[in-house]
N, C-alpha and C. Protein backbone atom coordinates (compact mmCIF):
# COMPACT_ATOMS: atom_id res chain seq x y z
N MET A 1 182.42 -134.70 -50.85
CA MET A 1 182.44 -134.96 -49.38
C MET A 1 182.92 -133.56 -48.70
N GLU A 2 182.34 -133.16 -47.81
CA GLU A 2 182.64 -131.96 -46.95
C GLU A 2 183.75 -132.29 -46.08
N SER A 3 184.66 -131.34 -45.91
CA SER A 3 186.03 -131.47 -44.99
C SER A 3 185.83 -130.54 -43.70
N SER A 4 184.63 -130.36 -43.40
CA SER A 4 184.37 -129.41 -42.39
C SER A 4 184.78 -130.01 -40.98
N SER A 5 185.56 -129.30 -40.16
CA SER A 5 185.99 -129.89 -38.89
C SER A 5 184.83 -130.08 -37.95
N SER A 6 183.79 -129.48 -38.07
CA SER A 6 182.76 -129.48 -37.05
C SER A 6 181.52 -130.10 -37.74
N PRO A 7 180.75 -130.82 -36.96
CA PRO A 7 179.58 -131.43 -37.56
C PRO A 7 178.50 -130.25 -37.90
N GLN A 8 177.40 -130.76 -38.73
CA GLN A 8 176.49 -129.77 -39.19
C GLN A 8 175.43 -129.36 -38.05
N ASP A 9 175.04 -128.14 -38.07
CA ASP A 9 173.79 -127.70 -37.11
C ASP A 9 172.70 -128.78 -37.18
N GLY A 10 172.25 -129.18 -36.06
CA GLY A 10 171.05 -130.11 -35.99
C GLY A 10 171.26 -131.55 -36.19
N LEU A 11 172.65 -131.90 -36.39
CA LEU A 11 172.98 -133.21 -36.48
C LEU A 11 172.59 -134.01 -35.18
N TYR A 12 171.86 -135.19 -35.19
CA TYR A 12 171.44 -135.56 -33.91
C TYR A 12 171.40 -137.13 -33.87
N CYS A 13 171.33 -137.68 -32.57
CA CYS A 13 171.40 -139.20 -32.42
C CYS A 13 170.42 -139.34 -31.00
N ILE A 14 169.91 -140.49 -30.96
CA ILE A 14 169.13 -140.84 -29.67
C ILE A 14 169.98 -141.98 -29.01
N ARG A 15 170.23 -141.89 -27.77
CA ARG A 15 171.18 -142.95 -27.22
C ARG A 15 170.53 -143.13 -25.76
N ASN A 16 170.97 -144.30 -25.19
CA ASN A 16 170.62 -144.58 -23.86
C ASN A 16 171.38 -143.65 -22.87
N SER A 17 170.57 -143.42 -21.76
CA SER A 17 171.25 -142.61 -20.79
C SER A 17 172.25 -143.20 -20.00
N GLY A 18 173.30 -142.71 -19.60
CA GLY A 18 174.43 -143.35 -18.97
C GLY A 18 174.06 -143.62 -17.57
N THR A 19 173.17 -142.82 -16.90
CA THR A 19 172.78 -142.84 -15.37
C THR A 19 171.32 -143.29 -15.22
N LYS A 20 170.60 -142.95 -16.23
CA LYS A 20 169.06 -143.44 -15.82
C LYS A 20 168.57 -144.38 -17.12
N THR A 21 167.37 -144.85 -16.81
CA THR A 21 166.67 -145.79 -17.62
C THR A 21 166.12 -145.16 -18.88
N SER A 22 166.26 -143.88 -19.03
CA SER A 22 165.62 -143.20 -20.14
C SER A 22 166.70 -143.18 -21.35
N LYS A 23 166.22 -142.44 -22.30
CA LYS A 23 167.15 -142.09 -23.55
C LYS A 23 167.35 -140.53 -23.49
N VAL A 24 168.36 -140.24 -24.34
CA VAL A 24 168.77 -138.83 -24.33
C VAL A 24 168.73 -138.54 -25.92
N LEU A 25 168.29 -137.33 -26.31
CA LEU A 25 168.49 -136.76 -27.66
C LEU A 25 169.64 -135.97 -27.65
N VAL A 26 170.64 -136.15 -28.36
CA VAL A 26 171.85 -135.39 -28.53
C VAL A 26 171.72 -134.63 -29.78
N VAL A 27 171.98 -133.35 -29.71
CA VAL A 27 171.88 -132.44 -31.06
C VAL A 27 173.25 -131.50 -30.95
N TRP A 28 173.69 -131.57 -32.14
CA TRP A 28 174.93 -130.72 -32.33
C TRP A 28 174.37 -129.20 -32.58
N ASP A 29 175.00 -128.33 -31.84
CA ASP A 29 174.73 -126.83 -31.99
C ASP A 29 175.95 -126.05 -32.42
N VAL A 30 175.83 -125.74 -33.67
CA VAL A 30 177.06 -124.98 -34.22
C VAL A 30 177.32 -123.82 -33.47
N ASP A 31 176.27 -122.94 -32.86
CA ASP A 31 176.49 -121.71 -32.31
C ASP A 31 177.36 -121.94 -31.01
N LEU A 32 177.19 -123.03 -30.28
CA LEU A 32 177.98 -123.35 -29.18
C LEU A 32 179.21 -124.22 -29.41
N CYS A 33 179.18 -124.86 -30.67
CA CYS A 33 180.32 -125.67 -31.10
C CYS A 33 180.42 -126.94 -30.02
N LYS A 34 179.28 -127.34 -29.72
CA LYS A 34 179.15 -128.54 -28.76
C LYS A 34 177.74 -129.24 -28.91
N ALA A 35 177.49 -130.40 -28.34
CA ALA A 35 176.30 -131.06 -28.45
C ALA A 35 175.33 -130.51 -27.26
N ARG A 36 174.20 -130.56 -27.45
CA ARG A 36 173.08 -130.27 -26.50
C ARG A 36 172.47 -131.66 -26.18
N ASN A 37 172.14 -131.91 -24.90
CA ASN A 37 171.58 -133.10 -24.53
C ASN A 37 170.15 -132.76 -23.93
N TYR A 38 169.12 -133.57 -24.43
CA TYR A 38 167.72 -133.46 -24.11
C TYR A 38 167.18 -134.79 -23.59
N ARG A 39 166.94 -134.73 -22.32
CA ARG A 39 166.38 -136.04 -21.70
C ARG A 39 165.15 -136.29 -22.33
N LEU A 40 164.77 -137.59 -22.84
CA LEU A 40 163.54 -138.01 -23.29
C LEU A 40 162.66 -138.56 -22.13
N PHE A 41 161.57 -138.10 -21.85
CA PHE A 41 160.72 -138.42 -20.83
C PHE A 41 159.60 -139.48 -21.40
N GLU A 42 159.08 -140.34 -20.66
CA GLU A 42 157.94 -141.11 -21.18
C GLU A 42 156.97 -141.17 -19.89
N GLU A 43 155.66 -140.95 -20.19
CA GLU A 43 154.78 -141.05 -19.17
C GLU A 43 153.29 -141.24 -19.92
N ASP A 44 152.54 -142.22 -19.45
CA ASP A 44 151.29 -142.64 -19.77
C ASP A 44 151.38 -142.69 -21.46
N SER A 45 152.21 -143.60 -21.83
CA SER A 45 152.45 -143.82 -23.31
C SER A 45 152.80 -142.68 -24.16
N ARG A 46 153.14 -141.67 -23.50
CA ARG A 46 153.54 -140.41 -24.36
C ARG A 46 155.12 -140.03 -24.22
N VAL A 47 155.64 -139.53 -25.27
CA VAL A 47 157.07 -139.20 -25.10
C VAL A 47 157.09 -137.72 -25.27
N PHE A 48 158.07 -137.09 -24.41
CA PHE A 48 158.24 -135.56 -24.61
C PHE A 48 159.72 -135.26 -24.03
N LEU A 49 160.04 -133.89 -24.45
CA LEU A 49 161.18 -133.31 -23.90
C LEU A 49 160.77 -132.34 -22.84
N GLU A 50 159.74 -131.72 -23.08
CA GLU A 50 159.08 -130.75 -22.06
C GLU A 50 157.55 -131.09 -22.04
N PHE A 51 156.98 -130.97 -20.97
CA PHE A 51 155.48 -131.68 -20.71
C PHE A 51 154.59 -130.92 -21.49
N GLU A 52 154.92 -129.55 -21.82
CA GLU A 52 153.74 -128.86 -22.65
C GLU A 52 153.46 -129.54 -24.00
N ILE A 53 154.25 -130.12 -24.58
CA ILE A 53 154.20 -130.92 -25.90
C ILE A 53 154.57 -132.38 -25.76
N THR A 54 153.49 -133.28 -25.93
CA THR A 54 153.82 -134.54 -25.85
C THR A 54 153.52 -135.28 -27.18
N PHE A 55 154.03 -136.43 -27.42
CA PHE A 55 153.95 -137.20 -28.64
C PHE A 55 153.44 -138.70 -28.37
N ALA A 56 152.85 -139.20 -29.49
CA ALA A 56 152.40 -140.64 -29.19
C ALA A 56 153.54 -141.60 -29.42
N SER A 57 154.59 -141.17 -30.23
CA SER A 57 155.79 -141.97 -30.20
C SER A 57 157.02 -141.18 -30.37
N LEU A 58 158.11 -141.87 -30.39
CA LEU A 58 159.44 -141.20 -30.63
C LEU A 58 159.59 -140.52 -31.93
N SER A 59 159.14 -141.29 -32.96
CA SER A 59 159.26 -140.84 -34.33
C SER A 59 158.41 -139.56 -34.52
N ALA A 60 157.35 -139.40 -33.92
CA ALA A 60 156.47 -138.14 -34.00
C ALA A 60 156.98 -137.10 -33.19
N LEU A 61 157.81 -137.27 -32.18
CA LEU A 61 158.57 -136.17 -31.57
C LEU A 61 159.58 -135.78 -32.56
N VAL A 62 160.46 -136.65 -33.15
CA VAL A 62 161.50 -136.37 -33.97
C VAL A 62 160.95 -135.50 -35.19
N GLU A 63 159.93 -136.00 -35.85
CA GLU A 63 159.41 -135.37 -36.90
C GLU A 63 158.92 -133.77 -36.58
N HIS A 64 158.26 -133.73 -35.36
CA HIS A 64 157.89 -132.26 -34.93
C HIS A 64 159.19 -131.48 -34.84
N TYR A 65 160.29 -131.84 -34.25
CA TYR A 65 161.39 -131.02 -33.95
C TYR A 65 162.35 -130.81 -35.23
N HIS A 66 162.00 -131.52 -36.35
CA HIS A 66 162.57 -131.19 -37.65
C HIS A 66 162.10 -129.90 -38.26
N SER A 67 160.84 -129.42 -37.81
CA SER A 67 160.29 -128.15 -38.39
C SER A 67 160.00 -127.11 -37.28
N HIS A 68 160.25 -127.42 -36.06
CA HIS A 68 160.09 -126.49 -34.80
C HIS A 68 161.16 -126.49 -34.00
N PRO A 69 161.73 -125.39 -33.42
CA PRO A 69 162.80 -125.23 -32.64
C PRO A 69 162.81 -126.09 -31.37
N LEU A 70 163.89 -126.67 -30.93
CA LEU A 70 163.89 -127.43 -29.59
C LEU A 70 163.64 -126.55 -28.62
N PRO A 71 163.28 -127.08 -27.37
CA PRO A 71 162.95 -126.18 -26.20
C PRO A 71 164.10 -125.41 -25.77
N ASN A 72 163.82 -124.21 -25.42
CA ASN A 72 164.81 -123.15 -24.89
C ASN A 72 165.89 -122.96 -25.86
N HIS A 73 165.54 -122.94 -27.10
CA HIS A 73 166.30 -122.63 -28.33
C HIS A 73 165.48 -121.85 -29.50
N ASP A 74 165.92 -120.73 -29.94
CA ASP A 74 165.30 -120.00 -31.06
C ASP A 74 164.99 -120.65 -32.30
N SER A 75 166.12 -121.23 -32.74
CA SER A 75 166.16 -121.85 -34.05
C SER A 75 166.70 -123.12 -34.36
N LEU A 76 167.29 -123.73 -33.25
CA LEU A 76 167.95 -125.16 -33.51
C LEU A 76 166.79 -126.29 -33.69
N CYS A 77 166.87 -126.71 -34.82
CA CYS A 77 165.75 -127.86 -35.20
C CYS A 77 166.71 -129.10 -35.60
N LEU A 78 166.14 -130.29 -35.40
CA LEU A 78 166.84 -131.35 -36.01
C LEU A 78 166.96 -131.32 -37.38
N GLN A 79 168.03 -131.89 -37.93
CA GLN A 79 168.40 -131.92 -39.36
C GLN A 79 168.48 -133.28 -39.79
N GLN A 80 169.38 -133.98 -39.42
CA GLN A 80 169.99 -135.15 -40.09
C GLN A 80 170.38 -136.16 -38.93
N PRO A 81 169.92 -137.37 -39.00
CA PRO A 81 170.36 -138.33 -37.88
C PRO A 81 171.87 -138.60 -38.08
N TYR A 82 172.70 -138.90 -37.07
CA TYR A 82 174.09 -139.16 -37.11
C TYR A 82 174.22 -140.47 -37.81
N GLY A 83 175.05 -140.60 -38.77
CA GLY A 83 175.40 -141.90 -39.51
C GLY A 83 174.52 -141.92 -40.73
N TYR A 84 173.59 -141.13 -40.96
CA TYR A 84 172.73 -141.28 -42.01
C TYR A 84 173.40 -140.79 -43.32
N ILE A 85 173.42 -141.69 -44.38
CA ILE A 85 174.09 -141.20 -45.71
C ILE A 85 173.01 -140.93 -46.67
N MET A 86 172.96 -139.68 -47.17
CA MET A 86 172.04 -139.39 -48.13
C MET A 86 172.15 -140.26 -49.59
N PRO A 87 170.88 -140.72 -50.03
CA PRO A 87 170.97 -141.51 -51.34
C PRO A 87 171.44 -140.61 -52.46
N ARG A 88 172.23 -141.06 -53.45
CA ARG A 88 172.74 -140.48 -54.62
C ARG A 88 171.76 -140.27 -55.62
């Protein structure tokens, strides 16, 4: 088990927004040593972070950003959901 004081880059979770009816994708950015928050939008049964790329489902969005950088970032991708324990 790692004893690192900071979470791994790309660690993420999806939570309800505290102020809106939408959800928020929260991603740990090691370069900033803090979490980045991305509001999840839903329109016409599509889910997106930025309107240029829309997805049929939240799982499709997550799958896409596992291999593509998040908006406004050159290299940050989703890596592992918060609380997930790898099988042994």
